[in-house]
PDB file of N, CA and C in Angstrom:
ATOM      1  N   UNK A   1     123.755 105.754 118.869  1.00  0.00           N
ATOM      2  CA  UNK A   1     122.002 106.275 118.410  1.00  0.00           C
ATOM      3  C   UNK A   1     121.454 106.425 117.461  1.00  0.00           C
ATOM      4  N   UNK A   2     120.129 105.663 117.373  1.00  0.00           N
ATOM      5  CA  UNK A   2     119.196 105.581 116.243  1.00  0.00           C
ATOM      6  C   UNK A   2     118.596 106.694 115.296  1.00  0.00           C
ATOM      7  N   UNK A   3     118.578 106.714 114.361  1.00  0.00           N
ATOM      8  CA  UNK A   3     118.339 108.093 113.201  1.00  0.00           C
ATOM      9  C   UNK A   3     116.690 107.729 113.353  1.00  0.00           C
ATOM     10  N   UNK A   4     116.243 106.786 113.838  1.00  0.00           N
ATOM     11  CA  UNK A   4     114.846 106.823 113.680  1.00  0.00           C
ATOM     12  C   UNK A   4     113.582 107.122 115.227  1.00  0.00           C
ATOM     13  N   UNK A   5     112.602 107.607 115.129  1.00  0.00           N
ATOM     14  CA  UNK A   5     111.942 107.112 116.377  1.00  0.00           C
ATOM     15  C   UNK A   5     110.887 106.560 116.496  1.00  0.00           C
ATOM     16  N   UNK A   6     110.508 106.152 117.812  1.00  0.00           N
ATOM     17  CA  UNK A   6     108.768 105.503 117.100  1.00  0.00           C
ATOM     18  C   UNK A   6     108.018 106.271 117.474  1.00  0.00           C
ATOM     19  N   UNK A   7     107.141 106.363 115.971  1.00  0.00           N
ATOM     20  CA  UNK A   7     106.735 107.024 115.436  1.00  0.00           C
ATOM     21  C   UNK A   7     104.698 106.634 115.867  1.00  0.00           C
ATOM     22  N   UNK A   8     104.552 105.579 115.885  1.00  0.00           N
ATOM     23  CA  UNK A   8     103.170 104.518 116.068  1.00  0.00           C
ATOM     24  C   UNK A   8     103.350 102.769 116.605  1.00  0.00           C
ATOM     25  N   UNK A   9     102.835 102.560 117.005  1.00  0.00           N
ATOM     26  CA  UNK A   9     102.419 101.071 117.043  1.00  0.00           C
ATOM     27  C   UNK A   9     101.012 100.595 116.902  1.00  0.00           C
ATOM     28  N   UNK A  10     100.870  99.431 116.426  1.00  0.00           N
ATOM     29  CA  UNK A  10     100.205  98.354 116.493  1.00  0.00           C
ATOM     30  C   UNK A  10     100.244  97.102 117.059  1.00  0.00           C
ATOM     31  N   UNK A  11      99.396  96.983 117.428  1.00  0.00           N
ATOM     32  CA  UNK A  11      99.262  95.394 118.560  1.00  0.00           C
ATOM     33  C   UNK A  11      98.805  93.923 118.145  1.00  0.00           C
ATOM     34  N   UNK A  12      99.131  93.368 117.513  1.00  0.00           N
ATOM     35  CA  UNK A  12      98.561  92.464 116.875  1.00  0.00           C
ATOM     36  C   UNK A  12      98.108  90.733 117.416  1.00  0.00           C
ATOM     37  N   UNK A  13      96.663  90.663 117.828  1.00  0.00           N
ATOM     38  CA  UNK A  13      96.842  89.724 118.872  1.00  0.00           C
ATOM     39  C   UNK A  13      96.354  88.660 118.295  1.00  0.00           C
ATOM     40  N   UNK A  14      96.325  87.501 118.980  1.00  0.00           N
ATOM     41  CA  UNK A  14      95.973  86.040 118.505  1.00  0.00           C
ATOM     42  C   UNK A  14      94.857  85.784 119.349  1.00  0.00           C
ATOM     43  N   UNK A  15      93.850  85.590 119.250  1.00  0.00           N
ATOM     44  CA  UNK A  15      92.718  84.855 120.002  1.00  0.00           C
ATOM     45  C   UNK A  15      92.476  82.942 119.440  1.00  0.00           C
ATOM     46  N   UNK A  16      92.201  82.413 120.941  1.00  0.00           N
ATOM     47  CA  UNK A  16      92.273  81.075 121.026  1.00  0.00           C
ATOM     48  C   UNK A  16      90.973  80.839 121.547  1.00  0.00           C
ATOM     49  N   UNK A  17      90.285  80.144 121.034  1.00  0.00           N
ATOM     50  CA  UNK A  17      88.931  79.628 122.114  1.00  0.00           C
ATOM     51  C   UNK A  17      89.009  78.908 123.268  1.00  0.00           C
ATOM     52  N   UNK A  18      88.500  78.999 124.400  1.00  0.00           N
ATOM     53  CA  UNK A  18      89.108  79.102 125.507  1.00  0.00           C
ATOM     54  C   UNK A  18      89.411  77.564 126.364  1.00  0.00           C
ATOM     55  N   UNK A  19      88.454  76.584 124.887  1.00  0.00           N
ATOM     56  CA  UNK A  19      88.211  75.355 125.168  1.00  0.00           C
ATOM     57  C   UNK A  19      89.080  74.371 124.782  1.00  0.00           C
ATOM     58  N   UNK A  20      89.898  75.110 123.531  1.00  0.00           N
ATOM     59  CA  UNK A  20      90.992  74.258 122.855  1.00  0.00           C
ATOM     60  C   UNK A  20      91.983  73.950 123.726  1.00  0.00           C
ATOM     61  N   UNK A  21      92.481  72.179 123.242  1.00  0.00           N
ATOM     62  CA  UNK A  21      93.268  71.770 124.496  1.00  0.00           C
ATOM     63  C   UNK A  21      94.763  72.260 124.121  1.00  0.00           C
ATOM     64  N   UNK A  22      95.010  71.955 125.279  1.00  0.00           N
ATOM     65  CA  UNK A  22      96.744  72.105 125.948  1.00  0.00           C
ATOM     66  C   UNK A  22      97.198  72.228 124.447  1.00  0.00           C
ATOM     67  N   UNK A  23      97.755  70.712 123.506  1.00  0.00           N
ATOM     68  CA  UNK A  23      97.938  69.868 122.383  1.00  0.00           C
ATOM     69  C   UNK A  23      97.626  71.030 121.354  1.00  0.00           C
ATOM     70  N   UNK A  24      96.834  71.825 120.924  1.00  0.00           N
ATOM     71  CA  UNK A  24      96.531  72.429 119.769  1.00  0.00           C
ATOM     72  C   UNK A  24      97.051  73.920 120.441  1.00  0.00           C
ATOM     73  N   UNK A  25      97.041  74.726 121.810  1.00  0.00           N
ATOM     74  CA  UNK A  25      97.548  75.709 122.101  1.00  0.00           C
ATOM     75  C   UNK A  25      99.377  75.620 121.675  1.00  0.00           C
ATOM     76  N   UNK A  26     100.014  74.175 121.913  1.00  0.00           N
ATOM     77  CA  UNK A  26     101.250  73.978 121.887  1.00  0.00           C
ATOM     78  C   UNK A  26     101.904  74.318 120.508  1.00  0.00           C
ATOM     79  N   UNK A  27     100.786  73.349 119.620  1.00  0.00           N
ATOM     80  CA  UNK A  27     100.620  73.837 118.231  1.00  0.00           C
ATOM     81  C   UNK A  27     101.051  75.324 117.399  1.00  0.00           C
ATOM     82  N   UNK A  28      99.981  75.773 117.830  1.00  0.00           N
ATOM     83  CA  UNK A  28      99.676  77.347 117.736  1.00  0.00           C
ATOM     84  C   UNK A  28     101.189  77.933 117.714  1.00  0.00           C
ATOM     85  N   UNK A  29     101.219  77.735 119.477  1.00  0.00           N
ATOM     86  CA  UNK A  29     102.446  78.640 119.901  1.00  0.00           C
ATOM     87  C   UNK A  29     103.885  78.239 118.784  1.00  0.00           C
ATOM     88  N   UNK A  30     103.996  77.008 118.698  1.00  0.00           N
ATOM     89  CA  UNK A  30     104.993  76.641 118.290  1.00  0.00           C
ATOM     90  C   UNK A  30     105.445  77.167 116.700  1.00  0.00           C
ATOM     91  N   UNK A  31     103.909  77.685 116.032  1.00  0.00           N
ATOM     92  CA  UNK A  31     103.534  78.438 114.609  1.00  0.00           C
ATOM     93  C   UNK A  31     104.454  79.818 114.573  1.00  0.00           C
ATOM     94  N   UNK A  32     103.548  80.427 115.664  1.00  0.00           N
ATOM     95  CA  UNK A  32     104.141  81.748 115.910  1.00  0.00           C
ATOM     96  C   UNK A  32     105.026  82.101 116.024  1.00  0.00           C
ATOM     97  N   UNK A  33     106.147  81.380 117.031  1.00  0.00           N
ATOM     98  CA  UNK A  33     107.479  81.253 117.339  1.00  0.00           C
ATOM     99  C   UNK A  33     108.212  81.237 116.156  1.00  0.00           C
ATOM    100  N   UNK A  34     107.421  80.495 115.084  1.00  0.00           N
ATOM    101  CA  UNK A  34     108.403  80.119 114.002  1.00  0.00           C
ATOM    102  C   UNK A  34     109.749  80.852 113.896  1.00  0.00           C
ATOM    103  N   UNK A  35     110.672  80.782 112.975  1.00  0.00           N
ATOM    104  CA  UNK A  35     111.243  81.360 111.894  1.00  0.00           C
ATOM    105  C   UNK A  35     110.089  82.165 110.703  1.00  0.00           C
ATOM    106  N   UNK A  36     109.678  80.744 110.170  1.00  0.00           N
ATOM    107  CA  UNK A  36     108.775  80.695 108.629  1.00  0.00           C
ATOM    108  C   UNK A  36     108.254  81.984 108.951  1.00  0.00           C
ATOM    109  N   UNK A  37     107.312  81.888 110.293  1.00  0.00           N
ATOM    110  CA  UNK A  37     105.920  82.466 110.497  1.00  0.00           C
ATOM    111  C   UNK A  37     106.364  83.899 110.464  1.00  0.00           C
ATOM    112  N   UNK A  38     107.365  84.115 111.251  1.00  0.00           N
ATOM    113  CA  UNK A  38     107.906  85.133 111.125  1.00  0.00           C
ATOM    114  C   UNK A  38     108.244  86.311 109.943  1.00  0.00           C
ATOM    115  N   UNK A  39     109.140  85.626 109.374  1.00  0.00           N
ATOM    116  CA  UNK A  39     109.581  85.755 108.243  1.00  0.00           C
ATOM    117  C   UNK A  39     108.233  85.809 107.150  1.00  0.00           C
ATOM    118  N   UNK A  40     107.083  84.891 107.212  1.00  0.00           N
ATOM    119  CA  UNK A  40     105.767  85.456 106.369  1.00  0.00           C
ATOM    120  C   UNK A  40     105.316  86.462 106.863  1.00  0.00           C
ATOM    121  N   UNK A  41     105.454  87.007 108.431  1.00  0.00           N
ATOM    122  CA  UNK A  41     104.528  88.326 108.917  1.00  0.00           C
ATOM    123  C   UNK A  41     105.303  89.424 108.479  1.00  0.00           C
ATOM    124  N   UNK A  42     106.744  89.073 107.886  1.00  0.00           N
ATOM    125  CA  UNK A  42     107.012  89.959 107.591  1.00  0.00           C
ATOM    126  C   UNK A  42     107.062  90.749 106.534  1.00  0.00           C
ATOM    127  N   UNK A  43     107.023  89.786 105.567  1.00  0.00           N
ATOM    128  CA  UNK A  43     107.248  90.245 104.280  1.00  0.00           C
ATOM    129  C   UNK A  43     105.405  90.578 103.956  1.00  0.00           C
ATOM    130  N   UNK A  44     104.888  90.076 104.526  1.00  0.00           N
ATOM    131  CA  UNK A  44     103.583  90.426 104.263  1.00  0.00           C
ATOM    132  C   UNK A  44     103.090  91.964 104.891  1.00  0.00           C
ATOM    133  N   UNK A  45     103.566  92.232 105.966  1.00  0.00           N
ATOM    134  CA  UNK A  45     103.922  94.000 106.359  1.00  0.00           C
ATOM    135  C   UNK A  45     104.414  94.677 105.604  1.00  0.00           C
ATOM    136  N   UNK A  46     106.074  93.505 104.563  1.00  0.00           N
ATOM    137  CA  UNK A  46     106.164  94.397 103.381  1.00  0.00           C
ATOM    138  C   UNK A  46     105.205  95.119 102.562  1.00  0.00           C
ATOM    139  N   UNK A  47     104.529  93.749 101.735  1.00  0.00           N
ATOM    140  CA  UNK A  47     103.757  94.256 100.773  1.00  0.00           C
ATOM    141  C   UNK A  47     102.660  94.882 101.242  1.00  0.00           C
ATOM    142  N   UNK A  48     102.398  95.171 102.226  1.00  0.00           N
ATOM    143  CA  UNK A  48     101.380  96.129 102.606  1.00  0.00           C
ATOM    144  C   UNK A  48     101.425  97.687 102.735  1.00  0.00           C
ATOM    145  N   UNK A  49     102.631  97.695 103.111  1.00  0.00           N
ATOM    146  CA  UNK A  49     103.806  99.442 103.308  1.00  0.00           C
ATOM    147  C   UNK A  49     103.605  99.473 101.735  1.00  0.00           C
ATOM    148  N   UNK A  50     104.216  98.758 100.878  1.00  0.00           N
ATOM    149  CA  UNK A  50     105.629  98.971  99.616  1.00  0.00           C
ATOM    150  C   UNK A  50     104.088 100.019  98.801  1.00  0.00           C
ATOM    151  N   UNK A  51     103.184  99.641  98.388  1.00  0.00           N
ATOM    152  CA  UNK A  51     102.567 100.815  97.952  1.00  0.00           C
ATOM    153  C   UNK A  51     102.527 102.490  98.172  1.00  0.00           C
ATOM    154  N   UNK A  52     102.339 102.475  99.210  1.00  0.00           N
ATOM    155  CA  UNK A  52     102.302 103.838  99.664  1.00  0.00           C
ATOM    156  C   UNK A  52     103.625 104.328  99.869  1.00  0.00           C
ATOM    157  N   UNK A  53     104.455 105.227  98.929  1.00  0.00           N
ATOM    158  CA  UNK A  53     105.849 105.860  98.311  1.00  0.00           C
ATOM    159  C   UNK A  53     106.019 106.890  99.582  1.00  0.00           C
ATOM    160  N   UNK A  54     105.571 107.533 100.526  1.00  0.00           N
ATOM    161  CA  UNK A  54     105.330 108.208 101.479  1.00  0.00           C
ATOM    162  C   UNK A  54     106.127 107.221 102.528  1.00  0.00           C
ATOM    163  N   UNK A  55     105.532 106.262 102.902  1.00  0.00           N
ATOM    164  CA  UNK A  55     106.445 105.501 103.659  1.00  0.00           C
ATOM    165  C   UNK A  55     107.448 104.715 103.623  1.00  0.00           C
ATOM    166  N   UNK A  56     108.290 105.033 102.515  1.00  0.00           N
ATOM    167  CA  UNK A  56     109.304 104.215 102.098  1.00  0.00           C
ATOM    168  C   UNK A  56     110.628 104.162 102.706  1.00  0.00           C
ATOM    169  N   UNK A  57     110.710 105.844 104.272  1.00  0.00           N
ATOM    170  CA  UNK A  57     112.084 105.548 104.349  1.00  0.00           C
ATOM    171  C   UNK A  57     111.773 105.205 105.917  1.00  0.00           C
ATOM    172  N   UNK A  58     110.419 104.609 106.258  1.00  0.00           N
ATOM    173  CA  UNK A  58     110.306 103.699 107.991  1.00  0.00           C
ATOM    174  C   UNK A  58     110.979 102.370 108.027  1.00  0.00           C
ATOM    175  N   UNK A  59     110.773 102.150 109.109  1.00  0.00           N
ATOM    176  CA  UNK A  59     111.695 100.840 109.288  1.00  0.00           C
ATOM    177  C   UNK A  59     110.375 100.539 110.384  1.00  0.00           C
ATOM    178  N   UNK A  60     110.109  99.442 110.218  1.00  0.00           N
ATOM    179  CA  UNK A  60     109.305  98.551 111.070  1.00  0.00           C
ATOM    180  C   UNK A  60     110.272  97.906 111.667  1.00  0.00           C
ATOM    181  N   UNK A  61     109.077  97.336 112.606  1.00  0.00           N
ATOM    182  CA  UNK A  61     110.130  95.936 113.583  1.00  0.00           C
ATOM    183  C   UNK A  61     108.757  95.101 113.893  1.00  0.00           C
ATOM    184  N   UNK A  62     109.240  93.955 114.002  1.00  0.00           N
ATOM    185  CA  UNK A  62     108.499  93.105 114.590  1.00  0.00           C
ATOM    186  C   UNK A  62     108.681  92.628 115.673  1.00  0.00           C
ATOM    187  N   UNK A  63     108.662  92.536 117.165  1.00  0.00           N
ATOM    188  CA  UNK A  63     108.898  91.818 117.628  1.00  0.00           C
ATOM    189  C   UNK A  63     107.742  90.869 119.003  1.00  0.00           C
ATOM    190  N   UNK A  64     108.225  90.152 119.371  1.00  0.00           N
ATOM    191  CA  UNK A  64     107.508  89.441 120.620  1.00  0.00           C
ATOM    192  C   UNK A  64     106.888  89.895 121.829  1.00  0.00           C
TER     193      UNK A  64
END
């Protein structure tokens, strides 16, 4: 059993123009699903949280 409980959630949405062609949409999807992008996103979230010492004990999970 986990020693953490869900406290809050934030949703990150990516909006693309309705007239974007399939190739561009496929490229965007590949980027968003890529390991380097996910790693960069995790680093960015950690960087934002780091200055807030009261958040030191939380865990952040990024899901798809």
